[in-house]
């Protein structure tokens, strides 16, 4: 199995998850907002557009043939995922969402953390190959 397989699979899984969330936020932003205690309006649709763009970038990265670019962009995506998880903590602790919203954000953050870690491990495997 090539050393880049884990990273590419993790990036594609992240793209699928981000794309699914984007689709939900764009298609049903207002009902989801009501369910999680946010006001109706542009918050979730704007987040959906951002996630859709992120999903495209993840897929582009997963398809890179240049291993150095794959490695560097994979690291960037991992760091972005970790930033999402860290940024979610104060939103859960002090934000405007209800219990359902906080639980949903915690669940999403757990998935994002797992994907970020899988990407991180994939990047480390590529680095070990480059150093060998």
C-alpha atoms as a PDB file:
ATOM      1  CA  UNK A   1       0.000   0.000   0.000  1.00  0.00           C
ATOM      2  CA  UNK A   2       1.486   3.406  -0.954  1.00  0.00           C
ATOM      3  CA  UNK A   3       2.412   5.658   1.951  1.00  0.00           C
ATOM      4  CA  UNK A   4      -0.008   8.346   0.703  1.00  0.00           C
ATOM      5  CA  UNK A   5      -3.092   6.089   0.879  1.00  0.00           C
ATOM      6  CA  UNK A   6      -4.124   6.965   4.452  1.00  0.00           C
ATOM      7  CA  UNK A   7      -3.783  10.697   3.826  1.00  0.00           C
ATOM      8  CA  UNK A   8      -5.733  10.541   0.568  1.00  0.00           C
ATOM      9  CA  UNK A   9      -8.522   8.459   2.138  1.00  0.00           C
ATOM     10  CA  UNK A  10      -8.745  10.769   5.149  1.00  0.00           C
ATOM     11  CA  UNK A  11      -8.906  13.828   2.897  1.00  0.00           C
ATOM     12  CA  UNK A  12     -11.679  12.239   0.817  1.00  0.00           C
ATOM     13  CA  UNK A  13     -13.612  11.256   3.945  1.00  0.00           C
ATOM     14  CA  UNK A  14     -13.246  14.794   5.252  1.00  0.00           C
ATOM     15  CA  UNK A  15     -14.486  16.141   1.919  1.00  0.00           C
ATOM     16  CA  UNK A  16     -17.522  13.844   2.054  1.00  0.00           C
ATOM     17  CA  UNK A  17     -18.356  14.879   5.634  1.00  0.00           C
ATOM     18  CA  UNK A  18     -17.802  18.581   4.920  1.00  0.00           C
ATOM     19  CA  UNK A  19     -19.860  18.328   1.738  1.00  0.00           C
ATOM     20  CA  UNK A  20     -22.706  16.572   3.546  1.00  0.00           C
ATOM     21  CA  UNK A  21     -22.759  19.244   6.255  1.00  0.00           C
ATOM     22  CA  UNK A  22     -22.624  21.978   3.607  1.00  0.00           C
ATOM     23  CA  UNK A  23     -25.566  20.435   1.781  1.00  0.00           C
ATOM     24  CA  UNK A  24     -27.618  20.241   4.984  1.00  0.00           C
ATOM     25  CA  UNK A  25     -26.838  23.824   5.947  1.00  0.00           C
ATOM     26  CA  UNK A  26     -27.654  25.136   2.478  1.00  0.00           C
ATOM     27  CA  UNK A  27     -30.820  23.075   2.027  1.00  0.00           C
ATOM     28  CA  UNK A  28     -32.268  23.376   5.536  1.00  0.00           C
ATOM     29  CA  UNK A  29     -30.456  26.208   7.293  1.00  0.00           C
ATOM     30  CA  UNK A  30     -33.522  27.771   8.913  1.00  0.00           C
ATOM     31  CA  UNK A  31     -35.076  24.566  10.312  1.00  0.00           C
ATOM     32  CA  UNK A  32     -31.682  23.437  11.618  1.00  0.00           C
ATOM     33  CA  UNK A  33     -31.099  26.882  13.150  1.00  0.00           C
ATOM     34  CA  UNK A  34     -34.418  26.674  14.999  1.00  0.00           C
ATOM     35  CA  UNK A  35     -33.642  23.142  16.217  1.00  0.00           C
ATOM     36  CA  UNK A  36     -30.254  24.100  17.658  1.00  0.00           C
ATOM     37  CA  UNK A  37     -31.253  27.431  19.153  1.00  0.00           C
ATOM     38  CA  UNK A  38     -29.795  29.834  16.608  1.00  0.00           C
ATOM     39  CA  UNK A  39     -31.776  32.635  14.984  1.00  0.00           C
ATOM     40  CA  UNK A  40     -32.954  32.014  11.443  1.00  0.00           C
ATOM     41  CA  UNK A  41     -30.890  33.758   8.816  1.00  0.00           C
ATOM     42  CA  UNK A  42     -27.584  33.517   7.037  1.00  0.00           C
ATOM     43  CA  UNK A  43     -25.416  31.869   9.713  1.00  0.00           C
ATOM     44  CA  UNK A  44     -25.733  28.242   8.576  1.00  0.00           C
ATOM     45  CA  UNK A  45     -26.002  28.940   4.819  1.00  0.00           C
ATOM     46  CA  UNK A  46     -22.802  31.018   4.971  1.00  0.00           C
ATOM     47  CA  UNK A  47     -21.127  28.233   6.927  1.00  0.00           C
ATOM     48  CA  UNK A  48     -22.420  25.813   4.280  1.00  0.00           C
ATOM     49  CA  UNK A  49     -20.795  27.794   1.468  1.00  0.00           C
ATOM     50  CA  UNK A  50     -17.504  27.806   3.379  1.00  0.00           C
ATOM     51  CA  UNK A  51     -17.708  24.066   4.002  1.00  0.00           C
ATOM     52  CA  UNK A  52     -18.472  23.427   0.332  1.00  0.00           C
ATOM     53  CA  UNK A  53     -15.344  25.344  -0.656  1.00  0.00           C
ATOM     54  CA  UNK A  54     -13.330  23.475   1.952  1.00  0.00           C
ATOM     55  CA  UNK A  55     -14.635  20.155   0.580  1.00  0.00           C
ATOM     56  CA  UNK A  56     -13.500  21.089  -2.929  1.00  0.00           C
ATOM     57  CA  UNK A  57     -10.034  22.040  -1.663  1.00  0.00           C
ATOM     58  CA  UNK A  58      -9.819  18.720   0.221  1.00  0.00           C
ATOM     59  CA  UNK A  59     -10.628  16.806  -2.972  1.00  0.00           C
ATOM     60  CA  UNK A  60      -8.086  18.794  -4.967  1.00  0.00           C
ATOM     61  CA  UNK A  61      -5.460  18.022  -2.339  1.00  0.00           C
ATOM     62  CA  UNK A  62      -6.360  14.311  -2.282  1.00  0.00           C
ATOM     63  CA  UNK A  63      -5.755  14.174  -6.030  1.00  0.00           C
ATOM     64  CA  UNK A  64      -2.325  15.791  -5.958  1.00  0.00           C
ATOM     65  CA  UNK A  65       0.415  13.870  -7.721  1.00  0.00           C
ATOM     66  CA  UNK A  66       3.132  16.101  -6.248  1.00  0.00           C
ATOM     67  CA  UNK A  67       3.817  14.444  -2.893  1.00  0.00           C
ATOM     68  CA  UNK A  68       5.320  17.618  -1.398  1.00  0.00           C
ATOM     69  CA  UNK A  69       2.115  19.567  -2.168  1.00  0.00           C
ATOM     70  CA  UNK A  70       0.000  16.674  -0.877  1.00  0.00           C
ATOM     71  CA  UNK A  71       2.009  16.667   2.347  1.00  0.00           C
ATOM     72  CA  UNK A  72       1.953  20.457   2.857  1.00  0.00           C
ATOM     73  CA  UNK A  73      -1.734  20.864   2.047  1.00  0.00           C
ATOM     74  CA  UNK A  74      -2.613  17.806   4.118  1.00  0.00           C
ATOM     75  CA  UNK A  75      -0.886  19.419   7.071  1.00  0.00           C
ATOM     76  CA  UNK A  76      -2.778  22.662   6.445  1.00  0.00           C
ATOM     77  CA  UNK A  77      -6.087  20.797   6.416  1.00  0.00           C
ATOM     78  CA  UNK A  78      -5.197  19.020   9.652  1.00  0.00           C
ATOM     79  CA  UNK A  79      -4.387  22.321  11.327  1.00  0.00           C
ATOM     80  CA  UNK A  80      -7.665  23.799  10.075  1.00  0.00           C
ATOM     81  CA  UNK A  81      -9.534  20.830  11.536  1.00  0.00           C
ATOM     82  CA  UNK A  82      -7.762  21.222  14.868  1.00  0.00           C
ATOM     83  CA  UNK A  83      -8.612  24.947  14.857  1.00  0.00           C
ATOM     84  CA  UNK A  84     -12.282  24.044  14.288  1.00  0.00           C
ATOM     85  CA  UNK A  85     -12.236  21.721  17.298  1.00  0.00           C
ATOM     86  CA  UNK A  86     -10.521  24.289  19.536  1.00  0.00           C
ATOM     87  CA  UNK A  87     -12.875  27.038  18.352  1.00  0.00           C
ATOM     88  CA  UNK A  88     -15.912  24.859  19.048  1.00  0.00           C
ATOM     89  CA  UNK A  89     -15.138  24.618  22.772  1.00  0.00           C
ATOM     90  CA  UNK A  90     -16.032  28.230  23.674  1.00  0.00           C
ATOM     91  CA  UNK A  91     -19.075  28.107  21.395  1.00  0.00           C
ATOM     92  CA  UNK A  92     -20.315  25.064  23.301  1.00  0.00           C
ATOM     93  CA  UNK A  93     -19.431  26.565  26.689  1.00  0.00           C
ATOM     94  CA  UNK A  94     -20.624  30.136  26.175  1.00  0.00           C
ATOM     95  CA  UNK A  95     -22.458  30.286  22.854  1.00  0.00           C
ATOM     96  CA  UNK A  96     -26.083  30.872  21.987  1.00  0.00           C
ATOM     97  CA  UNK A  97     -27.077  27.297  21.127  1.00  0.00           C
ATOM     98  CA  UNK A  98     -29.396  25.085  23.114  1.00  0.00           C
ATOM     99  CA  UNK A  99     -28.483  21.635  24.429  1.00  0.00           C
ATOM    100  CA  UNK A 100     -29.312  19.993  21.102  1.00  0.00           C
ATOM    101  CA  UNK A 101     -27.037  22.438  19.303  1.00  0.00           C
ATOM    102  CA  UNK A 102     -24.221  21.948  21.781  1.00  0.00           C
ATOM    103  CA  UNK A 103     -24.460  18.162  21.494  1.00  0.00           C
ATOM    104  CA  UNK A 104     -24.549  18.379  17.696  1.00  0.00           C
ATOM    105  CA  UNK A 105     -21.489  20.650  17.635  1.00  0.00           C
ATOM    106  CA  UNK A 106     -19.657  18.324  20.029  1.00  0.00           C
ATOM    107  CA  UNK A 107     -20.446  15.342  17.775  1.00  0.00           C
ATOM    108  CA  UNK A 108     -19.330  17.202  14.654  1.00  0.00           C
ATOM    109  CA  UNK A 109     -16.154  18.294  16.440  1.00  0.00           C
ATOM    110  CA  UNK A 110     -15.396  14.694  17.388  1.00  0.00           C
ATOM    111  CA  UNK A 111     -15.653  13.656  13.730  1.00  0.00           C
ATOM    112  CA  UNK A 112     -13.536  16.624  12.649  1.00  0.00           C
ATOM    113  CA  UNK A 113     -10.912  15.719  15.264  1.00  0.00           C
ATOM    114  CA  UNK A 114     -10.794  12.100  14.055  1.00  0.00           C
ATOM    115  CA  UNK A 115     -10.413  13.206  10.443  1.00  0.00           C
ATOM    116  CA  UNK A 116      -7.742  15.748  11.361  1.00  0.00           C
ATOM    117  CA  UNK A 117      -5.804  13.114  13.283  1.00  0.00           C
ATOM    118  CA  UNK A 118      -6.035  10.632  10.400  1.00  0.00           C
ATOM    119  CA  UNK A 119      -4.714  13.301   8.033  1.00  0.00           C
ATOM    120  CA  UNK A 120      -1.935  14.186  10.496  1.00  0.00           C
ATOM    121  CA  UNK A 121      -0.860  10.543  10.719  1.00  0.00           C
ATOM    122  CA  UNK A 122      -0.961  10.318   6.926  1.00  0.00           C
ATOM    123  CA  UNK A 123       1.309  13.361   6.638  1.00  0.00           C
ATOM    124  CA  UNK A 124       3.727  11.847   9.173  1.00  0.00           C
ATOM    125  CA  UNK A 125       3.888   8.623   7.143  1.00  0.00           C
ATOM    126  CA  UNK A 126       4.832  10.632   4.067  1.00  0.00           C
ATOM    127  CA  UNK A 127       7.528  12.461   6.022  1.00  0.00           C
ATOM    128  CA  UNK A 128       8.994   9.178   7.241  1.00  0.00           C
ATOM    129  CA  UNK A 129       9.137   7.943   3.654  1.00  0.00           C
ATOM    130  CA  UNK A 130      10.869  11.140   2.505  1.00  0.00           C
ATOM    131  CA  UNK A 131      13.455  10.855   5.291  1.00  0.00           C
ATOM    132  CA  UNK A 132      14.196   7.174   4.628  1.00  0.00           C
END
